[in-house]
Amino acid sequence: MDPKDRSLRAQLAAHTSWANTLDPQSRTAKARAAANGRFEKQARQMHPDATDEQIARTAKHLKSAHFKRLALQSAAARRAKASAKAA
């Protein structure tokens, strides 16, 4: 199958699936909890004697730092791709 056709089929399936979901938050709750748990675990390793409030604050900052790091890497990749195209 042509990659563009495969992509369109996948998009169609995704939109159909989400259209059949009345409560998207409940559908993704377990995944979000697992992702946030990763940052909480890291925060507890960094600060084993911290309170729950401090752990939540630290986890929030670890999560923000993670996504900022991904954004930085993405921007660098886009710049590299643009300069390679220009050359």
PDB file of N, CA and C in Angstrom:
ATOM      1  N   MET A   1       0.850  -1.186   0.000  1.00  0.00           N
ATOM      2  CA  MET A   1       0.000   0.000   0.000  1.00  0.00           C
ATOM      3  C   MET A   1       0.893   1.246   0.000  1.00  0.00           C
ATOM      4  N   ASP A   2       0.489   2.231  -0.719  1.00  0.00           N
ATOM      5  CA  ASP A   2       1.191   3.509  -0.807  1.00  0.00           C
ATOM      6  C   ASP A   2       1.245   4.155   0.592  1.00  0.00           C
ATOM      7  N   PRO A   3       2.398   4.695   1.010  1.00  0.00           N
ATOM      8  CA  PRO A   3       2.502   5.309   2.344  1.00  0.00           C
ATOM      9  C   PRO A   3       1.473   6.420   2.584  1.00  0.00           C
ATOM     10  N   LYS A   4       1.154   7.201   1.552  1.00  0.00           N
ATOM     11  CA  LYS A   4       0.152   8.261   1.730  1.00  0.00           C
ATOM     12  C   LYS A   4      -1.227   7.672   1.979  1.00  0.00           C
ATOM     13  N   ASP A   5      -1.552   6.596   1.268  1.00  0.00           N
ATOM     14  CA  ASP A   5      -2.837   5.928   1.493  1.00  0.00           C
ATOM     15  C   ASP A   5      -2.900   5.315   2.879  1.00  0.00           C
ATOM     16  N   ARG A   6      -1.796   4.715   3.301  1.00  0.00           N
ATOM     17  CA  ARG A   6      -1.740   4.112   4.635  1.00  0.00           C
ATOM     18  C   ARG A   6      -1.937   5.182   5.709  1.00  0.00           C
ATOM     19  N   SER A   7      -1.313   6.328   5.518  1.00  0.00           N
ATOM     20  CA  SER A   7      -1.456   7.436   6.459  1.00  0.00           C
ATOM     21  C   SER A   7      -2.900   7.933   6.518  1.00  0.00           C
ATOM     22  N   LEU A   8      -3.520   8.072   5.356  1.00  0.00           N
ATOM     23  CA  LEU A   8      -4.923   8.514   5.320  1.00  0.00           C
ATOM     24  C   LEU A   8      -5.840   7.501   5.986  1.00  0.00           C
ATOM     25  N   ARG A   9      -5.582   6.211   5.757  1.00  0.00           N
ATOM     26  CA  ARG A   9      -6.400   5.177   6.416  1.00  0.00           C
ATOM     27  C   ARG A   9      -6.248   5.249   7.928  1.00  0.00           C
ATOM     28  N   ALA A  10      -5.026   5.447   8.397  1.00  0.00           N
ATOM     29  CA  ALA A  10      -4.779   5.540   9.833  1.00  0.00           C
ATOM     30  C   ALA A  10      -5.476   6.761  10.427  1.00  0.00           C
ATOM     31  N   GLN A  11      -5.429   7.885   9.717  1.00  0.00           N
ATOM     32  CA  GLN A  11      -6.106   9.094  10.193  1.00  0.00           C
ATOM     33  C   GLN A  11      -7.615   8.889  10.245  1.00  0.00           C
ATOM     34  N   LEU A  12      -8.150   8.234   9.234  1.00  0.00           N
ATOM     35  CA  LEU A  12      -9.580   7.928   9.204  1.00  0.00           C
ATOM     36  C   LEU A  12      -9.968   7.062  10.404  1.00  0.00           C
ATOM     37  N   ALA A  13      -9.177   6.046  10.660  1.00  0.00           N
ATOM     38  CA  ALA A  13      -9.455   5.161  11.792  1.00  0.00           C
ATOM     39  C   ALA A  13      -9.378   5.913  13.120  1.00  0.00           C
ATOM     40  N   ALA A  14      -8.376   6.776  13.255  1.00  0.00           N
ATOM     41  CA  ALA A  14      -8.229   7.538  14.497  1.00  0.00           C
ATOM     42  C   ALA A  14      -9.410   8.478  14.712  1.00  0.00           C
ATOM     43  N   HIS A  15      -9.811   9.187  13.676  1.00  0.00           N
ATOM     44  CA  HIS A  15     -10.945  10.107  13.811  1.00  0.00           C
ATOM     45  C   HIS A  15     -12.241   9.354  14.103  1.00  0.00           C
ATOM     46  N   THR A  16     -12.423   8.213  13.476  1.00  0.00           N
ATOM     47  CA  THR A  16     -13.613   7.405  13.735  1.00  0.00           C
ATOM     48  C   THR A  16     -13.617   6.915  15.176  1.00  0.00           C
ATOM     49  N   SER A  17     -12.470   6.468  15.645  1.00  0.00           N
ATOM     50  CA  SER A  17     -12.364   5.978  17.016  1.00  0.00           C
ATOM     51  C   SER A  17     -12.677   7.081  18.025  1.00  0.00           C
ATOM     52  N   TRP A  18     -12.102   8.279  17.807  1.00  0.00           N
ATOM     53  CA  TRP A  18     -12.358   9.383  18.729  1.00  0.00           C
ATOM     54  C   TRP A  18     -13.792   9.887  18.615  1.00  0.00           C
ATOM     55  N   ALA A  19     -14.389   9.776  17.456  1.00  0.00           N
ATOM     56  CA  ALA A  19     -15.794  10.170  17.306  1.00  0.00           C
ATOM     57  C   ALA A  19     -16.703   9.247  18.103  1.00  0.00           C
ATOM     58  N   ASN A  20     -16.297   8.001  18.261  1.00  0.00           N
ATOM     59  CA  ASN A  20     -17.085   7.033  19.026  1.00  0.00           C
ATOM     60  C   ASN A  20     -16.816   7.102  20.522  1.00  0.00           C
ATOM     61  N   THR A  21     -15.929   7.976  20.941  1.00  0.00           N
ATOM     62  CA  THR A  21     -15.567   8.116  22.353  1.00  0.00           C
ATOM     63  C   THR A  21     -16.242   9.357  22.921  1.00  0.00           C
ATOM     64  N   LEU A  22     -17.169   9.147  23.862  1.00  0.00           N
ATOM     65  CA  LEU A  22     -17.884  10.279  24.446  1.00  0.00           C
ATOM     66  C   LEU A  22     -17.066  10.990  25.519  1.00  0.00           C
ATOM     67  N   ASP A  23     -16.217  10.259  26.224  1.00  0.00           N
ATOM     68  CA  ASP A  23     -15.425  10.853  27.300  1.00  0.00           C
ATOM     69  C   ASP A  23     -13.941  10.590  27.038  1.00  0.00           C
ATOM     70  N   PRO A  24     -13.288  11.465  26.269  1.00  0.00           N
ATOM     71  CA  PRO A  24     -11.887  11.221  25.929  1.00  0.00           C
ATOM     72  C   PRO A  24     -10.951  11.241  27.138  1.00  0.00           C
ATOM     73  N   GLN A  25     -11.295  12.001  28.162  1.00  0.00           N
ATOM     74  CA  GLN A  25     -10.425  12.048  29.343  1.00  0.00           C
ATOM     75  C   GLN A  25     -10.368  10.697  30.043  1.00  0.00           C
ATOM     76  N   SER A  26     -11.496  10.017  30.139  1.00  0.00           N
ATOM     77  CA  SER A  26     -11.473   8.707  30.796  1.00  0.00           C
ATOM     78  C   SER A  26     -10.729   7.687  29.935  1.00  0.00           C
ATOM     79  N   ARG A  27     -10.792   7.857  28.624  1.00  0.00           N
ATOM     80  CA  ARG A  27     -10.096   6.936  27.721  1.00  0.00           C
ATOM     81  C   ARG A  27      -8.584   7.028  27.876  1.00  0.00           C
ATOM     82  N   THR A  28      -8.087   8.207  28.172  1.00  0.00           N
ATOM     83  CA  THR A  28      -6.640   8.401  28.270  1.00  0.00           C
ATOM     84  C   THR A  28      -6.136   8.522  29.710  1.00  0.00           C
ATOM     85  N   ALA A  29      -7.005   8.335  30.687  1.00  0.00           N
ATOM     86  CA  ALA A  29      -6.633   8.549  32.092  1.00  0.00           C
ATOM     87  C   ALA A  29      -5.490   7.644  32.534  1.00  0.00           C
ATOM     88  N   LYS A  30      -5.541   6.362  32.189  1.00  0.00           N
ATOM     89  CA  LYS A  30      -4.489   5.441  32.627  1.00  0.00           C
ATOM     90  C   LYS A  30      -3.140   5.822  32.031  1.00  0.00           C
ATOM     91  N   ALA A  31      -3.125   6.235  30.784  1.00  0.00           N
ATOM     92  CA  ALA A  31      -1.869   6.622  30.130  1.00  0.00           C
ATOM     93  C   ALA A  31      -1.302   7.884  30.766  1.00  0.00           C
ATOM     94  N   ARG A  32      -2.178   8.858  31.050  1.00  0.00           N
ATOM     95  CA  ARG A  32      -1.702  10.094  31.686  1.00  0.00           C
ATOM     96  C   ARG A  32      -1.169   9.812  33.087  1.00  0.00           C
ATOM     97  N   ALA A  33      -1.848   8.937  33.826  1.00  0.00           N
ATOM     98  CA  ALA A  33      -1.396   8.596  35.172  1.00  0.00           C
ATOM     99  C   ALA A  33      -0.027   7.911  35.128  1.00  0.00           C
ATOM    100  N   ALA A  34       0.155   7.029  34.162  1.00  0.00           N
ATOM    101  CA  ALA A  34       1.442   6.343  34.029  1.00  0.00           C
ATOM    102  C   ALA A  34       2.550   7.326  33.669  1.00  0.00           C
ATOM    103  N   ALA A  35       2.260   8.242  32.760  1.00  0.00           N
ATOM    104  CA  ALA A  35       3.266   9.236  32.357  1.00  0.00           C
ATOM    105  C   ALA A  35       3.627  10.147  33.526  1.00  0.00           C
ATOM    106  N   ASN A  36       2.617  10.608  34.245  1.00  0.00           N
ATOM    107  CA  ASN A  36       2.892  11.478  35.396  1.00  0.00           C
ATOM    108  C   ASN A  36       3.592  10.709  36.508  1.00  0.00           C
ATOM    109  N   GLY A  37       3.287   9.432  36.642  1.00  0.00           N
ATOM    110  CA  GLY A  37       3.933   8.599  37.663  1.00  0.00           C
ATOM    111  C   GLY A  37       5.426   8.494  37.448  1.00  0.00           C
ATOM    112  N   ARG A  38       5.831   8.524  36.195  1.00  0.00           N
ATOM    113  CA  ARG A  38       7.258   8.476  35.870  1.00  0.00           C
ATOM    114  C   ARG A  38       7.988   9.670  36.478  1.00  0.00           C
ATOM    115  N   PHE A  39       7.382  10.857  36.356  1.00  0.00           N
ATOM    116  CA  PHE A  39       8.013  12.060  36.898  1.00  0.00           C
ATOM    117  C   PHE A  39       7.952  12.080  38.425  1.00  0.00           C
ATOM    118  N   GLU A  40       6.867  11.570  38.985  1.00  0.00           N
ATOM    119  CA  GLU A  40       6.763  11.489  40.452  1.00  0.00           C
ATOM    120  C   GLU A  40       7.804  10.525  41.009  1.00  0.00           C
ATOM    121  N   LYS A  41       8.010   9.409  40.327  1.00  0.00           N
ATOM    122  CA  LYS A  41       9.018   8.438  40.762  1.00  0.00           C
ATOM    123  C   LYS A  41      10.404   9.073  40.759  1.00  0.00           C
ATOM    124  N   GLN A  42      10.697   9.805  39.694  1.00  0.00           N
ATOM    125  CA  GLN A  42      11.987  10.481  39.589  1.00  0.00           C
ATOM    126  C   GLN A  42      12.127  11.526  40.698  1.00  0.00           C
ATOM    127  N   ALA A  43      11.061  12.248  40.990  1.00  0.00           N
ATOM    128  CA  ALA A  43      11.096  13.264  42.043  1.00  0.00           C
ATOM    129  C   ALA A  43      11.338  12.623  43.410  1.00  0.00           C
ATOM    130  N   ARG A  44      10.708  11.473  43.654  1.00  0.00           N
ATOM    131  CA  ARG A  44      10.906  10.777  44.942  1.00  0.00           C
ATOM    132  C   ARG A  44      12.333  10.259  45.079  1.00  0.00           C
ATOM    133  N   GLN A  45      12.942   9.858  43.958  1.00  0.00           N
ATOM    134  CA  GLN A  45      14.337   9.415  44.007  1.00  0.00           C
ATOM    135  C   GLN A  45      15.264  10.588  44.308  1.00  0.00           C
ATOM    136  N   MET A  46      14.924  11.750  43.762  1.00  0.00           N
ATOM    137  CA  MET A  46      15.746  12.935  43.980  1.00  0.00           C
ATOM    138  C   MET A  46      15.606  13.462  45.407  1.00  0.00           C
ATOM    139  N   HIS A  47      14.389  13.393  45.937  1.00  0.00           N
ATOM    140  CA  HIS A  47      14.086  13.965  47.254  1.00  0.00           C
ATOM    141  C   HIS A  47      13.289  12.951  48.083  1.00  0.00           C
ATOM    142  N   PRO A  48      13.952  11.941  48.631  1.00  0.00           N
ATOM    143  CA  PRO A  48      13.218  10.878  49.334  1.00  0.00           C
ATOM    144  C   PRO A  48      12.466  11.341  50.586  1.00  0.00           C
ATOM    145  N   ASP A  49      12.873  12.441  51.186  1.00  0.00           N
ATOM    146  CA  ASP A  49      12.229  12.905  52.416  1.00  0.00           C
ATOM    147  C   ASP A  49      11.225  14.026  52.175  1.00  0.00           C
ATOM    148  N   ALA A  50      10.902  14.315  50.933  1.00  0.00           N
ATOM    149  CA  ALA A  50      10.003  15.430  50.600  1.00  0.00           C
ATOM    150  C   ALA A  50       8.551  15.069  50.890  1.00  0.00           C
ATOM    151  N   THR A  51       7.758  16.106  51.106  1.00  0.00           N
ATOM    152  CA  THR A  51       6.319  15.915  51.313  1.00  0.00           C
ATOM    153  C   THR A  51       5.644  15.648  49.958  1.00  0.00           C
ATOM    154  N   ASP A  52       4.404  15.204  50.008  1.00  0.00           N
ATOM    155  CA  ASP A  52       3.663  14.957  48.771  1.00  0.00           C
ATOM    156  C   ASP A  52       3.530  16.228  47.937  1.00  0.00           C
ATOM    157  N   GLU A  53       3.334  17.343  48.607  1.00  0.00           N
ATOM    158  CA  GLU A  53       3.218  18.629  47.912  1.00  0.00           C
ATOM    159  C   GLU A  53       4.523  18.980  47.194  1.00  0.00           C
ATOM    160  N   GLN A  54       5.640  18.756  47.867  1.00  0.00           N
ATOM    161  CA  GLN A  54       6.947  19.038  47.269  1.00  0.00           C
ATOM    162  C   GLN A  54       7.228  18.093  46.100  1.00  0.00           C
ATOM    163  N   ILE A  55       6.820  16.839  46.249  1.00  0.00           N
ATOM    164  CA  ILE A  55       7.003  15.864  45.168  1.00  0.00           C
ATOM    165  C   ILE A  55       6.190  16.282  43.960  1.00  0.00           C
ATOM    166  N   ALA A  56       4.954  16.707  44.169  1.00  0.00           N
ATOM    167  CA  ALA A  56       4.090  17.137  43.067  1.00  0.00           C
ATOM    168  C   ALA A  56       4.697  18.339  42.349  1.00  0.00           C
ATOM    169  N   ARG A  57       5.224  19.277  43.108  1.00  0.00           N
ATOM    170  CA  ARG A  57       5.850  20.464  42.518  1.00  0.00           C
ATOM    171  C   ARG A  57       7.078  20.081  41.710  1.00  0.00           C
ATOM    172  N   THR A  58       7.923  19.217  42.281  1.00  0.00           N
ATOM    173  CA  THR A  58       9.128  18.770  41.593  1.00  0.00           C
ATOM    174  C   THR A  58       8.771  17.994  40.329  1.00  0.00           C
ATOM    175  N   ALA A  59       7.778  17.116  40.422  1.00  0.00           N
ATOM    176  CA  ALA A  59       7.339  16.320  39.266  1.00  0.00           C
ATOM    177  C   ALA A  59       6.828  17.228  38.150  1.00  0.00           C
ATOM    178  N   LYS A  60       6.112  18.274  38.525  1.00  0.00           N
ATOM    179  CA  LYS A  60       5.604  19.225  37.535  1.00  0.00           C
ATOM    180  C   LYS A  60       6.764  19.879  36.781  1.00  0.00           C
ATOM    181  N   HIS A  61       7.807  20.260  37.508  1.00  0.00           N
ATOM    182  CA  HIS A  61       8.964  20.892  36.871  1.00  0.00           C
ATOM    183  C   HIS A  61       9.770  19.893  36.044  1.00  0.00           C
ATOM    184  N   LEU A  62       9.861  18.655  36.510  1.00  0.00           N
ATOM    185  CA  LEU A  62      10.553  17.632  35.726  1.00  0.00           C
ATOM    186  C   LEU A  62       9.821  17.379  34.411  1.00  0.00           C
ATOM    187  N   LYS A  63       8.500  17.360  34.470  1.00  0.00           N
ATOM    188  CA  LYS A  63       7.697  17.156  33.264  1.00  0.00           C
ATOM    189  C   LYS A  63       7.885  18.332  32.302  1.00  0.00           C
ATOM    190  N   SER A  64       7.841  19.539  32.817  1.00  0.00           N
ATOM    191  CA  SER A  64       8.050  20.724  31.972  1.00  0.00           C
ATOM    192  C   SER A  64       9.437  20.704  31.341  1.00  0.00           C
ATOM    193  N   ALA A  65      10.445  20.350  32.117  1.00  0.00           N
ATOM    194  CA  ALA A  65      11.813  20.288  31.593  1.00  0.00           C
ATOM    195  C   ALA A  65      11.922  19.232  30.496  1.00  0.00           C
ATOM    196  N   HIS A  66      11.270  18.101  30.690  1.00  0.00           N
ATOM    197  CA  HIS A  66      11.289  17.029  29.689  1.00  0.00           C
ATOM    198  C   HIS A  66      10.738  17.524  28.356  1.00  0.00           C
ATOM    199  N   PHE A  67       9.575  18.184  28.399  1.00  0.00           N
ATOM    200  CA  PHE A  67       8.958  18.638  27.159  1.00  0.00           C
ATOM    201  C   PHE A  67       9.708  19.815  26.536  1.00  0.00           C
ATOM    202  N   LYS A  68      10.327  20.655  27.347  1.00  0.00           N
ATOM    203  CA  LYS A  68      11.161  21.729  26.803  1.00  0.00           C
ATOM    204  C   LYS A  68      12.391  21.136  26.108  1.00  0.00           C
ATOM    205  N   ARG A  69      12.962  20.081  26.686  1.00  0.00           N
ATOM    206  CA  ARG A  69      14.109  19.412  26.082  1.00  0.00           C
ATOM    207  C   ARG A  69      13.712  18.817  24.728  1.00  0.00           C
ATOM    208  N   LEU A  70      12.536  18.197  24.659  1.00  0.00           N
ATOM    209  CA  LEU A  70      12.048  17.656  23.387  1.00  0.00           C
ATOM    210  C   LEU A  70      11.835  18.767  22.361  1.00  0.00           C
ATOM    211  N   ALA A  71      11.296  19.900  22.797  1.00  0.00           N
ATOM    212  CA  ALA A  71      11.077  21.027  21.891  1.00  0.00           C
ATOM    213  C   ALA A  71      12.402  21.559  21.359  1.00  0.00           C
ATOM    214  N   LEU A  72      13.398  21.630  22.214  1.00  0.00           N
ATOM    215  CA  LEU A  72      14.718  22.094  21.803  1.00  0.00           C
ATOM    216  C   LEU A  72      15.326  21.146  20.772  1.00  0.00           C
ATOM    217  N   GLN A  73      15.213  19.844  21.011  1.00  0.00           N
ATOM    218  CA  GLN A  73      15.730  18.864  20.064  1.00  0.00           C
ATOM    219  C   GLN A  73      14.982  18.936  18.733  1.00  0.00           C
ATOM    220  N   SER A  74      13.686  19.141  18.792  1.00  0.00           N
ATOM    221  CA  SER A  74      12.874  19.247  17.589  1.00  0.00           C
ATOM    222  C   SER A  74      13.278  20.474  16.770  1.00  0.00           C
ATOM    223  N   ALA A  75      13.483  21.595  17.434  1.00  0.00           N
ATOM    224  CA  ALA A  75      13.896  22.816  16.742  1.00  0.00           C
ATOM    225  C   ALA A  75      15.260  22.626  16.088  1.00  0.00           C
ATOM    226  N   ALA A  76      16.173  21.969  16.789  1.00  0.00           N
ATOM    227  CA  ALA A  76      17.501  21.725  16.226  1.00  0.00           C
ATOM    228  C   ALA A  76      17.403  20.817  15.003  1.00  0.00           C
ATOM    229  N   ALA A  77      16.541  19.809  15.072  1.00  0.00           N
ATOM    230  CA  ALA A  77      16.368  18.901  13.928  1.00  0.00           C
ATOM    231  C   ALA A  77      15.768  19.634  12.735  1.00  0.00           C
ATOM    232  N   ARG A  78      14.809  20.524  12.981  1.00  0.00           N
ATOM    233  CA  ARG A  78      14.207  21.301  11.889  1.00  0.00           C
ATOM    234  C   ARG A  78      15.237  22.230  11.247  1.00  0.00           C
ATOM    235  N   ARG A  79      16.068  22.865  12.083  1.00  0.00           N
ATOM    236  CA  ARG A  79      17.112  23.732  11.549  1.00  0.00           C
ATOM    237  C   ARG A  79      18.103  22.931  10.695  1.00  0.00           C
ATOM    238  N   ALA A  80      18.495  21.774  11.189  1.00  0.00           N
ATOM    239  CA  ALA A  80      19.441  20.933  10.445  1.00  0.00           C
ATOM    240  C   ALA A  80      18.825  20.493   9.115  1.00  0.00           C
ATOM    241  N   LYS A  81      17.569  20.142   9.137  1.00  0.00           N
ATOM    242  CA  LYS A  81      16.899  19.715   7.907  1.00  0.00           C
ATOM    243  C   LYS A  81      16.801  20.881   6.916  1.00  0.00           C
ATOM    244  N   ALA A  82      16.488  22.080   7.420  1.00  0.00           N
ATOM    245  CA  ALA A  82      16.379  23.260   6.549  1.00  0.00           C
ATOM    246  C   ALA A  82      17.733  23.618   5.947  1.00  0.00           C
ATOM    247  N   SER A  83      18.785  23.544   6.743  1.00  0.00           N
ATOM    248  CA  SER A  83      20.108  23.892   6.205  1.00  0.00           C
ATOM    249  C   SER A  83      20.593  22.837   5.221  1.00  0.00           C
ATOM    250  N   ALA A  84      20.215  21.575   5.442  1.00  0.00           N
ATOM    251  CA  ALA A  84      20.589  20.523   4.500  1.00  0.00           C
ATOM    252  C   ALA A  84      19.856  20.700   3.180  1.00  0.00           C
ATOM    253  N   LYS A  85      18.616  21.148   3.232  1.00  0.00           N
ATOM    254  CA  LYS A  85      17.837  21.420   2.018  1.00  0.00           C
ATOM    255  C   LYS A  85      18.439  22.584   1.245  1.00  0.00           C
ATOM    256  N   ALA A  86      18.856  23.614   1.988  1.00  0.00           N
ATOM    257  CA  ALA A  86      19.399  24.814   1.352  1.00  0.00           C
ATOM    258  C   ALA A  86      20.749  24.539   0.687  1.00  0.00           C
ATOM    259  N   ALA A  87      21.473  23.580   1.210  1.00  0.00           N
ATOM    260  CA  ALA A  87      22.823  23.279   0.671  1.00  0.00           C
ATOM    261  C   ALA A  87      22.791  22.460  -0.589  1.00  0.00           C
TER     262      ALA A  87
END
